[in-house]
Amino acid sequence: MSAALEMVNLAASAKENVVGNVASIGYGLAAIGPGVGVGIIFGNGTQALARQPEAAGLIRTNQIMGFAFCEALALIGIVMGFVYQ
């Protein structure tokens, strides 16, 4: 009887571990989008600065705003792992 109880406890702990691991994988996949977005933002910003150096202030401001929005998506992705446990 104790062996059956031990198996039930083992299955319950394995289920908790799997949920945590799936949340980590989900966040890893969710971080791909903002990572690509940040690369596009700064790559295009660098091209824009090379083409129009006189607009550096405006371009830099738009880069920072775009970066903040992309990072907000990444933070939402990490929070969702905790919310939906």
PDB file of N, CA and C in Angstrom:
ATOM      1  N   MET A   1       0.823  -1.195   0.000  1.00  0.00           N
ATOM      2  CA  MET A   1       0.000   0.000   0.000  1.00  0.00           C
ATOM      3  C   MET A   1       0.865   1.257   0.000  1.00  0.00           C
ATOM      4  N   SER A   2       1.958   1.231   0.742  1.00  0.00           N
ATOM      5  CA  SER A   2       2.825   2.403   0.793  1.00  0.00           C
ATOM      6  C   SER A   2       3.519   2.631  -0.552  1.00  0.00           C
ATOM      7  N   ALA A   3       3.764   1.576  -1.316  1.00  0.00           N
ATOM      8  CA  ALA A   3       4.384   1.735  -2.630  1.00  0.00           C
ATOM      9  C   ALA A   3       3.444   2.481  -3.571  1.00  0.00           C
ATOM     10  N   ALA A   4       2.151   2.194  -3.477  1.00  0.00           N
ATOM     11  CA  ALA A   4       1.173   2.881  -4.323  1.00  0.00           C
ATOM     12  C   ALA A   4       1.090   4.357  -3.944  1.00  0.00           C
ATOM     13  N   LEU A   5       1.132   4.643  -2.656  1.00  0.00           N
ATOM     14  CA  LEU A   5       1.095   6.031  -2.189  1.00  0.00           C
ATOM     15  C   LEU A   5       2.345   6.785  -2.629  1.00  0.00           C
ATOM     16  N   GLU A   6       3.465   6.087  -2.584  1.00  0.00           N
ATOM     17  CA  GLU A   6       4.719   6.705  -3.024  1.00  0.00           C
ATOM     18  C   GLU A   6       4.682   7.016  -4.520  1.00  0.00           C
ATOM     19  N   MET A   7       4.081   6.139  -5.315  1.00  0.00           N
ATOM     20  CA  MET A   7       3.957   6.373  -6.757  1.00  0.00           C
ATOM     21  C   MET A   7       3.045   7.570  -7.040  1.00  0.00           C
ATOM     22  N   VAL A   8       1.979   7.728  -6.260  1.00  0.00           N
ATOM     23  CA  VAL A   8       1.076   8.861  -6.441  1.00  0.00           C
ATOM     24  C   VAL A   8       1.801  10.161  -6.118  1.00  0.00           C
ATOM     25  N   ASN A   9       2.588  10.170  -5.034  1.00  0.00           N
ATOM     26  CA  ASN A   9       3.350  11.361  -4.675  1.00  0.00           C
ATOM     27  C   ASN A   9       4.398  11.685  -5.734  1.00  0.00           C
ATOM     28  N   LEU A  10       5.031  10.653  -6.284  1.00  0.00           N
ATOM     29  CA  LEU A  10       6.023  10.850  -7.326  1.00  0.00           C
ATOM     30  C   LEU A  10       5.385  11.423  -8.585  1.00  0.00           C
ATOM     31  N   ALA A  11       4.209  10.929  -8.943  1.00  0.00           N
ATOM     32  CA  ALA A  11       3.512  11.435 -10.127  1.00  0.00           C
ATOM     33  C   ALA A  11       3.091  12.890  -9.929  1.00  0.00           C
ATOM     34  N   ALA A  12       2.656  13.229  -8.718  1.00  0.00           N
ATOM     35  CA  ALA A  12       2.245  14.611  -8.447  1.00  0.00           C
ATOM     36  C   ALA A  12       3.437  15.561  -8.525  1.00  0.00           C
ATOM     37  N   SER A  13       4.571  15.155  -7.988  1.00  0.00           N
ATOM     38  CA  SER A  13       5.742  16.029  -8.056  1.00  0.00           C
ATOM     39  C   SER A  13       6.264  16.138  -9.483  1.00  0.00           C
ATOM     40  N   ALA A  14       6.155  15.059 -10.266  1.00  0.00           N
ATOM     41  CA  ALA A  14       6.588  15.110 -11.665  1.00  0.00           C
ATOM     42  C   ALA A  14       5.701  16.060 -12.454  1.00  0.00           C
ATOM     43  N   LYS A  15       4.405  16.075 -12.137  1.00  0.00           N
ATOM     44  CA  LYS A  15       3.495  16.977 -12.837  1.00  0.00           C
ATOM     45  C   LYS A  15       3.863  18.429 -12.561  1.00  0.00           C
ATOM     46  N   GLU A  16       4.214  18.780 -11.326  1.00  0.00           N
ATOM     47  CA  GLU A  16       4.617  20.140 -10.995  1.00  0.00           C
ATOM     48  C   GLU A  16       5.898  20.519 -11.728  1.00  0.00           C
ATOM     49  N   ASN A  17       6.836  19.595 -11.824  1.00  0.00           N
ATOM     50  CA  ASN A  17       8.090  19.875 -12.517  1.00  0.00           C
ATOM     51  C   ASN A  17       7.870  20.089 -14.010  1.00  0.00           C
ATOM     52  N   VAL A  18       6.977  19.316 -14.593  1.00  0.00           N
ATOM     53  CA  VAL A  18       6.708  19.450 -16.018  1.00  0.00           C
ATOM     54  C   VAL A  18       6.069  20.805 -16.302  1.00  0.00           C
ATOM     55  N   VAL A  19       5.161  21.248 -15.448  1.00  0.00           N
ATOM     56  CA  VAL A  19       4.529  22.545 -15.650  1.00  0.00           C
ATOM     57  C   VAL A  19       5.575  23.647 -15.604  1.00  0.00           C
ATOM     58  N   GLY A  20       6.493  23.593 -14.665  1.00  0.00           N
ATOM     59  CA  GLY A  20       7.548  24.594 -14.582  1.00  0.00           C
ATOM     60  C   GLY A  20       8.447  24.564 -15.802  1.00  0.00           C
ATOM     61  N   ASN A  21       8.769  23.382 -16.282  1.00  0.00           N
ATOM     62  CA  ASN A  21       9.631  23.270 -17.457  1.00  0.00           C
ATOM     63  C   ASN A  21       8.939  23.776 -18.708  1.00  0.00           C
ATOM     64  N   VAL A  22       7.651  23.506 -18.832  1.00  0.00           N
ATOM     65  CA  VAL A  22       6.914  23.976 -20.004  1.00  0.00           C
ATOM     66  C   VAL A  22       6.827  25.499 -19.990  1.00  0.00           C
ATOM     67  N   ALA A  23       6.667  26.085 -18.801  1.00  0.00           N
ATOM     68  CA  ALA A  23       6.632  27.548 -18.705  1.00  0.00           C
ATOM     69  C   ALA A  23       7.972  28.138 -19.128  1.00  0.00           C
ATOM     70  N   SER A  24       9.058  27.496 -18.780  1.00  0.00           N
ATOM     71  CA  SER A  24      10.383  27.986 -19.181  1.00  0.00           C
ATOM     72  C   SER A  24      10.570  27.904 -20.689  1.00  0.00           C
ATOM     73  N   ILE A  25      10.115  26.823 -21.278  1.00  0.00           N
ATOM     74  CA  ILE A  25      10.206  26.677 -22.734  1.00  0.00           C
ATOM     75  C   ILE A  25       9.319  27.715 -23.411  1.00  0.00           C
ATOM     76  N   GLY A  26       8.151  27.941 -22.842  1.00  0.00           N
ATOM     77  CA  GLY A  26       7.250  28.946 -23.405  1.00  0.00           C
ATOM     78  C   GLY A  26       7.856  30.332 -23.375  1.00  0.00           C
ATOM     79  N   TYR A  27       8.522  30.674 -22.275  1.00  0.00           N
ATOM     80  CA  TYR A  27       9.154  31.992 -22.215  1.00  0.00           C
ATOM     81  C   TYR A  27      10.309  32.081 -23.203  1.00  0.00           C
ATOM     82  N   GLY A  28      11.056  31.016 -23.343  1.00  0.00           N
ATOM     83  CA  GLY A  28      12.147  31.020 -24.316  1.00  0.00           C
ATOM     84  C   GLY A  28      11.634  31.273 -25.728  1.00  0.00           C
ATOM     85  N   LEU A  29      10.508  30.651 -26.066  1.00  0.00           N
ATOM     86  CA  LEU A  29       9.914  30.885 -27.380  1.00  0.00           C
ATOM     87  C   LEU A  29       9.338  32.291 -27.478  1.00  0.00           C
ATOM     88  N   ALA A  30       8.783  32.797 -26.375  1.00  0.00           N
ATOM     89  CA  ALA A  30       8.211  34.145 -26.383  1.00  0.00           C
ATOM     90  C   ALA A  30       9.289  35.213 -26.477  1.00  0.00           C
ATOM     91  N   ALA A  31      10.502  34.918 -26.080  1.00  0.00           N
ATOM     92  CA  ALA A  31      11.582  35.909 -26.120  1.00  0.00           C
ATOM     93  C   ALA A  31      12.205  36.032 -27.508  1.00  0.00           C
ATOM     94  N   ILE A  32      11.892  35.108 -28.395  1.00  0.00           N
ATOM     95  CA  ILE A  32      12.451  35.173 -29.747  1.00  0.00           C
ATOM     96  C   ILE A  32      11.914  36.394 -30.491  1.00  0.00           C
ATOM     97  N   GLY A  33      10.620  36.638 -30.391  1.00  0.00           N
ATOM     98  CA  GLY A  33      10.001  37.760 -31.101  1.00  0.00           C
ATOM     99  C   GLY A  33      10.583  39.104 -30.708  1.00  0.00           C
ATOM    100  N   PRO A  34      10.617  39.440 -29.411  1.00  0.00           N
ATOM    101  CA  PRO A  34      11.224  40.714 -29.033  1.00  0.00           C
ATOM    102  C   PRO A  34      12.710  40.804 -29.379  1.00  0.00           C
ATOM    103  N   GLY A  35      13.412  39.690 -29.341  1.00  0.00           N
ATOM    104  CA  GLY A  35      14.831  39.713 -29.713  1.00  0.00           C
ATOM    105  C   GLY A  35      15.020  40.077 -31.174  1.00  0.00           C
ATOM    106  N   VAL A  36      14.190  39.507 -32.027  1.00  0.00           N
ATOM    107  CA  VAL A  36      14.248  39.841 -33.449  1.00  0.00           C
ATOM    108  C   VAL A  36      13.816  41.292 -33.651  1.00  0.00           C
ATOM    109  N   GLY A  37      12.786  41.714 -32.914  1.00  0.00           N
ATOM    110  CA  GLY A  37      12.306  43.086 -33.039  1.00  0.00           C
ATOM    111  C   GLY A  37      13.352  44.116 -32.655  1.00  0.00           C
ATOM    112  N   VAL A  38      14.073  43.859 -31.593  1.00  0.00           N
ATOM    113  CA  VAL A  38      15.125  44.784 -31.160  1.00  0.00           C
ATOM    114  C   VAL A  38      16.233  44.853 -32.210  1.00  0.00           C
ATOM    115  N   GLY A  39      16.574  43.718 -32.784  1.00  0.00           N
ATOM    116  CA  GLY A  39      17.589  43.712 -33.834  1.00  0.00           C
ATOM    117  C   GLY A  39      17.159  44.517 -35.045  1.00  0.00           C
ATOM    118  N   ILE A  40      15.901  44.381 -35.433  1.00  0.00           N
ATOM    119  CA  ILE A  40      15.393  45.139 -36.578  1.00  0.00           C
ATOM    120  C   ILE A  40      15.377  46.631 -36.265  1.00  0.00           C
ATOM    121  N   ILE A  41      14.940  46.977 -35.054  1.00  0.00           N
ATOM    122  CA  ILE A  41      14.860  48.390 -34.671  1.00  0.00           C
ATOM    123  C   ILE A  41      16.227  49.056 -34.744  1.00  0.00           C
ATOM    124  N   PHE A  42      17.225  48.453 -34.123  1.00  0.00           N
ATOM    125  CA  PHE A  42      18.534  49.094 -34.083  1.00  0.00           C
ATOM    126  C   PHE A  42      19.269  48.984 -35.424  1.00  0.00           C
ATOM    127  N   GLY A  43      19.012  47.930 -36.169  1.00  0.00           N
ATOM    128  CA  GLY A  43      19.616  47.827 -37.502  1.00  0.00           C
ATOM    129  C   GLY A  43      19.092  48.909 -38.433  1.00  0.00           C
ATOM    130  N   ASN A  44      17.776  49.072 -38.450  1.00  0.00           N
ATOM    131  CA  ASN A  44      17.198  50.110 -39.304  1.00  0.00           C
ATOM    132  C   ASN A  44      17.515  51.506 -38.782  1.00  0.00           C
ATOM    133  N   GLY A  45      17.612  51.643 -37.465  1.00  0.00           N
ATOM    134  CA  GLY A  45      17.987  52.939 -36.906  1.00  0.00           C
ATOM    135  C   GLY A  45      19.391  53.341 -37.308  1.00  0.00           C
ATOM    136  N   THR A  46      20.294  52.383 -37.344  1.00  0.00           N
ATOM    137  CA  THR A  46      21.669  52.662 -37.762  1.00  0.00           C
ATOM    138  C   THR A  46      21.713  53.072 -39.235  1.00  0.00           C
ATOM    139  N   GLN A  47      20.927  52.400 -40.051  1.00  0.00           N
ATOM    140  CA  GLN A  47      20.854  52.786 -41.462  1.00  0.00           C
ATOM    141  C   GLN A  47      20.277  54.192 -41.619  1.00  0.00           C
ATOM    142  N   ALA A  48      19.246  54.493 -40.839  1.00  0.00           N
ATOM    143  CA  ALA A  48      18.635  55.817 -40.929  1.00  0.00           C
ATOM    144  C   ALA A  48      19.611  56.902 -40.477  1.00  0.00           C
ATOM    145  N   LEU A  49      20.389  56.625 -39.431  1.00  0.00           N
ATOM    146  CA  LEU A  49      21.384  57.604 -38.975  1.00  0.00           C
ATOM    147  C   LEU A  49      22.482  57.813 -40.023  1.00  0.00           C
ATOM    148  N   ALA A  50      22.835  56.767 -40.734  1.00  0.00           N
ATOM    149  CA  ALA A  50      23.853  56.905 -41.773  1.00  0.00           C
ATOM    150  C   ALA A  50      23.329  57.710 -42.961  1.00  0.00           C
ATOM    151  N   ARG A  51      22.028  57.591 -43.247  1.00  0.00           N
ATOM    152  CA  ARG A  51      21.460  58.301 -44.393  1.00  0.00           C
ATOM    153  C   ARG A  51      21.103  59.748 -44.068  1.00  0.00           C
ATOM    154  N   GLN A  52      20.646  59.990 -42.820  1.00  0.00           N
ATOM    155  CA  GLN A  52      20.246  61.346 -42.435  1.00  0.00           C
ATOM    156  C   GLN A  52      20.799  61.670 -41.051  1.00  0.00           C
ATOM    157  N   PRO A  53      22.037  62.039 -40.944  1.00  0.00           N
ATOM    158  CA  PRO A  53      22.624  62.325 -39.638  1.00  0.00           C
ATOM    159  C   PRO A  53      21.988  63.519 -38.939  1.00  0.00           C
ATOM    160  N   GLU A  54      21.383  64.429 -39.702  1.00  0.00           N
ATOM    161  CA  GLU A  54      20.762  65.597 -39.078  1.00  0.00           C
ATOM    162  C   GLU A  54      19.496  65.250 -38.297  1.00  0.00           C
ATOM    163  N   ALA A  55      18.908  64.081 -38.528  1.00  0.00           N
ATOM    164  CA  ALA A  55      17.707  63.661 -37.818  1.00  0.00           C
ATOM    165  C   ALA A  55      18.043  62.705 -36.671  1.00  0.00           C
ATOM    166  N   ALA A  56      19.237  62.795 -36.141  1.00  0.00           N
ATOM    167  CA  ALA A  56      19.704  61.839 -35.128  1.00  0.00           C
ATOM    168  C   ALA A  56      18.833  61.852 -33.876  1.00  0.00           C
ATOM    169  N   GLY A  57      18.406  63.040 -33.423  1.00  0.00           N
ATOM    170  CA  GLY A  57      17.593  63.113 -32.207  1.00  0.00           C
ATOM    171  C   GLY A  57      16.266  62.391 -32.353  1.00  0.00           C
ATOM    172  N   LEU A  58      15.582  62.626 -33.461  1.00  0.00           N
ATOM    173  CA  LEU A  58      14.292  61.993 -33.700  1.00  0.00           C
ATOM    174  C   LEU A  58      14.443  60.485 -33.877  1.00  0.00           C
ATOM    175  N   ILE A  59      15.447  60.083 -34.622  1.00  0.00           N
ATOM    176  CA  ILE A  59      15.658  58.651 -34.864  1.00  0.00           C
ATOM    177  C   ILE A  59      15.984  57.937 -33.556  1.00  0.00           C
ATOM    178  N   ARG A  60      16.845  58.532 -32.748  1.00  0.00           N
ATOM    179  CA  ARG A  60      17.227  57.909 -31.487  1.00  0.00           C
ATOM    180  C   ARG A  60      16.026  57.801 -30.546  1.00  0.00           C
ATOM    181  N   THR A  61      15.187  58.818 -30.529  1.00  0.00           N
ATOM    182  CA  THR A  61      13.980  58.778 -29.695  1.00  0.00           C
ATOM    183  C   THR A  61      13.061  57.642 -30.135  1.00  0.00           C
ATOM    184  N   ASN A  62      12.869  57.517 -31.434  1.00  0.00           N
ATOM    185  CA  ASN A  62      12.017  56.432 -31.941  1.00  0.00           C
ATOM    186  C   ASN A  62      12.625  55.060 -31.660  1.00  0.00           C
ATOM    187  N   GLN A  63      13.948  54.959 -31.717  1.00  0.00           N
ATOM    188  CA  GLN A  63      14.602  53.689 -31.389  1.00  0.00           C
ATOM    189  C   GLN A  63      14.336  53.306 -29.937  1.00  0.00           C
ATOM    190  N   ILE A  64      14.483  54.263 -29.049  1.00  0.00           N
ATOM    191  CA  ILE A  64      14.295  53.965 -27.628  1.00  0.00           C
ATOM    192  C   ILE A  64      12.854  53.576 -27.344  1.00  0.00           C
ATOM    193  N   MET A  65      11.902  54.255 -27.976  1.00  0.00           N
ATOM    194  CA  MET A  65      10.494  53.896 -27.775  1.00  0.00           C
ATOM    195  C   MET A  65      10.202  52.499 -28.319  1.00  0.00           C
ATOM    196  N   GLY A  66      10.716  52.180 -29.495  1.00  0.00           N
ATOM    197  CA  GLY A  66      10.519  50.845 -30.065  1.00  0.00           C
ATOM    198  C   GLY A  66      11.151  49.761 -29.214  1.00  0.00           C
ATOM    199  N   PHE A  67      12.340  50.051 -28.687  1.00  0.00           N
ATOM    200  CA  PHE A  67      13.016  49.100 -27.802  1.00  0.00           C
ATOM    201  C   PHE A  67      12.177  48.851 -26.552  1.00  0.00           C
ATOM    202  N   ALA A  68      11.617  49.918 -25.973  1.00  0.00           N
ATOM    203  CA  ALA A  68      10.806  49.774 -24.767  1.00  0.00           C
ATOM    204  C   ALA A  68       9.564  48.926 -25.039  1.00  0.00           C
ATOM    205  N   PHE A  69       8.928  49.126 -26.191  1.00  0.00           N
ATOM    206  CA  PHE A  69       7.741  48.340 -26.512  1.00  0.00           C
ATOM    207  C   PHE A  69       8.091  46.863 -26.723  1.00  0.00           C
ATOM    208  N   CYS A  70       9.207  46.604 -27.377  1.00  0.00           N
ATOM    209  CA  CYS A  70       9.627  45.211 -27.584  1.00  0.00           C
ATOM    210  C   CYS A  70       9.975  44.536 -26.268  1.00  0.00           C
ATOM    211  N   GLU A  71      10.652  45.247 -25.380  1.00  0.00           N
ATOM    212  CA  GLU A  71      10.995  44.665 -24.090  1.00  0.00           C
ATOM    213  C   GLU A  71       9.759  44.458 -23.223  1.00  0.00           C
ATOM    214  N   ALA A  72       8.750  45.305 -23.394  1.00  0.00           N
ATOM    215  CA  ALA A  72       7.495  45.099 -22.664  1.00  0.00           C
ATOM    216  C   ALA A  72       6.865  43.779 -23.074  1.00  0.00           C
ATOM    217  N   LEU A  73       6.949  43.430 -24.355  1.00  0.00           N
ATOM    218  CA  LEU A  73       6.426  42.133 -24.802  1.00  0.00           C
ATOM    219  C   LEU A  73       7.188  40.982 -24.151  1.00  0.00           C
ATOM    220  N   ALA A  74       8.491  41.133 -24.019  1.00  0.00           N
ATOM    221  CA  ALA A  74       9.291  40.083 -23.379  1.00  0.00           C
ATOM    222  C   ALA A  74       8.910  39.947 -21.906  1.00  0.00           C
ATOM    223  N   LEU A  75       8.675  41.060 -21.227  1.00  0.00           N
ATOM    224  CA  LEU A  75       8.278  41.002 -19.820  1.00  0.00           C
ATOM    225  C   LEU A  75       6.896  40.387 -19.658  1.00  0.00           C
ATOM    226  N   ILE A  76       5.993  40.678 -20.576  1.00  0.00           N
ATOM    227  CA  ILE A  76       4.676  40.049 -20.536  1.00  0.00           C
ATOM    228  C   ILE A  76       4.830  38.539 -20.699  1.00  0.00           C
ATOM    229  N   GLY A  77       5.750  38.126 -21.579  1.00  0.00           N
ATOM    230  CA  GLY A  77       5.984  36.691 -21.778  1.00  0.00           C
ATOM    231  C   GLY A  77       6.490  36.005 -20.526  1.00  0.00           C
ATOM    232  N   ILE A  78       7.368  36.659 -19.757  1.00  0.00           N
ATOM    233  CA  ILE A  78       7.883  36.019 -18.544  1.00  0.00           C
ATOM    234  C   ILE A  78       6.825  36.005 -17.443  1.00  0.00           C
ATOM    235  N   VAL A  79       5.956  36.994 -17.408  1.00  0.00           N
ATOM    236  CA  VAL A  79       4.911  37.040 -16.384  1.00  0.00           C
ATOM    237  C   VAL A  79       3.844  35.979 -16.645  1.00  0.00           C
ATOM    238  N   MET A  80       3.565  35.695 -17.907  1.00  0.00           N
ATOM    239  CA  MET A  80       2.539  34.712 -18.220  1.00  0.00           C
ATOM    240  C   MET A  80       2.871  33.323 -17.682  1.00  0.00           C
ATOM    241  N   GLY A  81       4.154  33.014 -17.592  1.00  0.00           N
ATOM    242  CA  GLY A  81       4.539  31.732 -17.001  1.00  0.00           C
ATOM    243  C   GLY A  81       4.131  31.618 -15.538  1.00  0.00           C
ATOM    244  N   PHE A  82       4.128  32.752 -14.828  1.00  0.00           N
ATOM    245  CA  PHE A  82       3.735  32.750 -13.426  1.00  0.00           C
ATOM    246  C   PHE A  82       2.215  32.854 -13.270  1.00  0.00           C
ATOM    247  N   VAL A  83       1.561  33.562 -14.163  1.00  0.00           N
ATOM    248  CA  VAL A  83       0.120  33.774 -14.053  1.00  0.00           C
ATOM    249  C   VAL A  83      -0.643  32.492 -14.317  1.00  0.00           C
ATOM    250  N   TYR A  84      -0.246  31.754 -15.338  1.00  0.00           N
ATOM    251  CA  TYR A  84      -0.982  30.564 -15.745  1.00  0.00           C
ATOM    252  C   TYR A  84      -0.354  29.278 -15.226  1.00  0.00           C
ATOM    253  N   GLN A  85      -0.042  29.245 -13.953  1.00  0.00           N
ATOM    254  CA  GLN A  85       0.502  28.009 -13.369  1.00  0.00           C
ATOM    255  C   GLN A  85      -0.598  27.147 -12.835  1.00  0.00           C
TER     256      GLN A  85
END
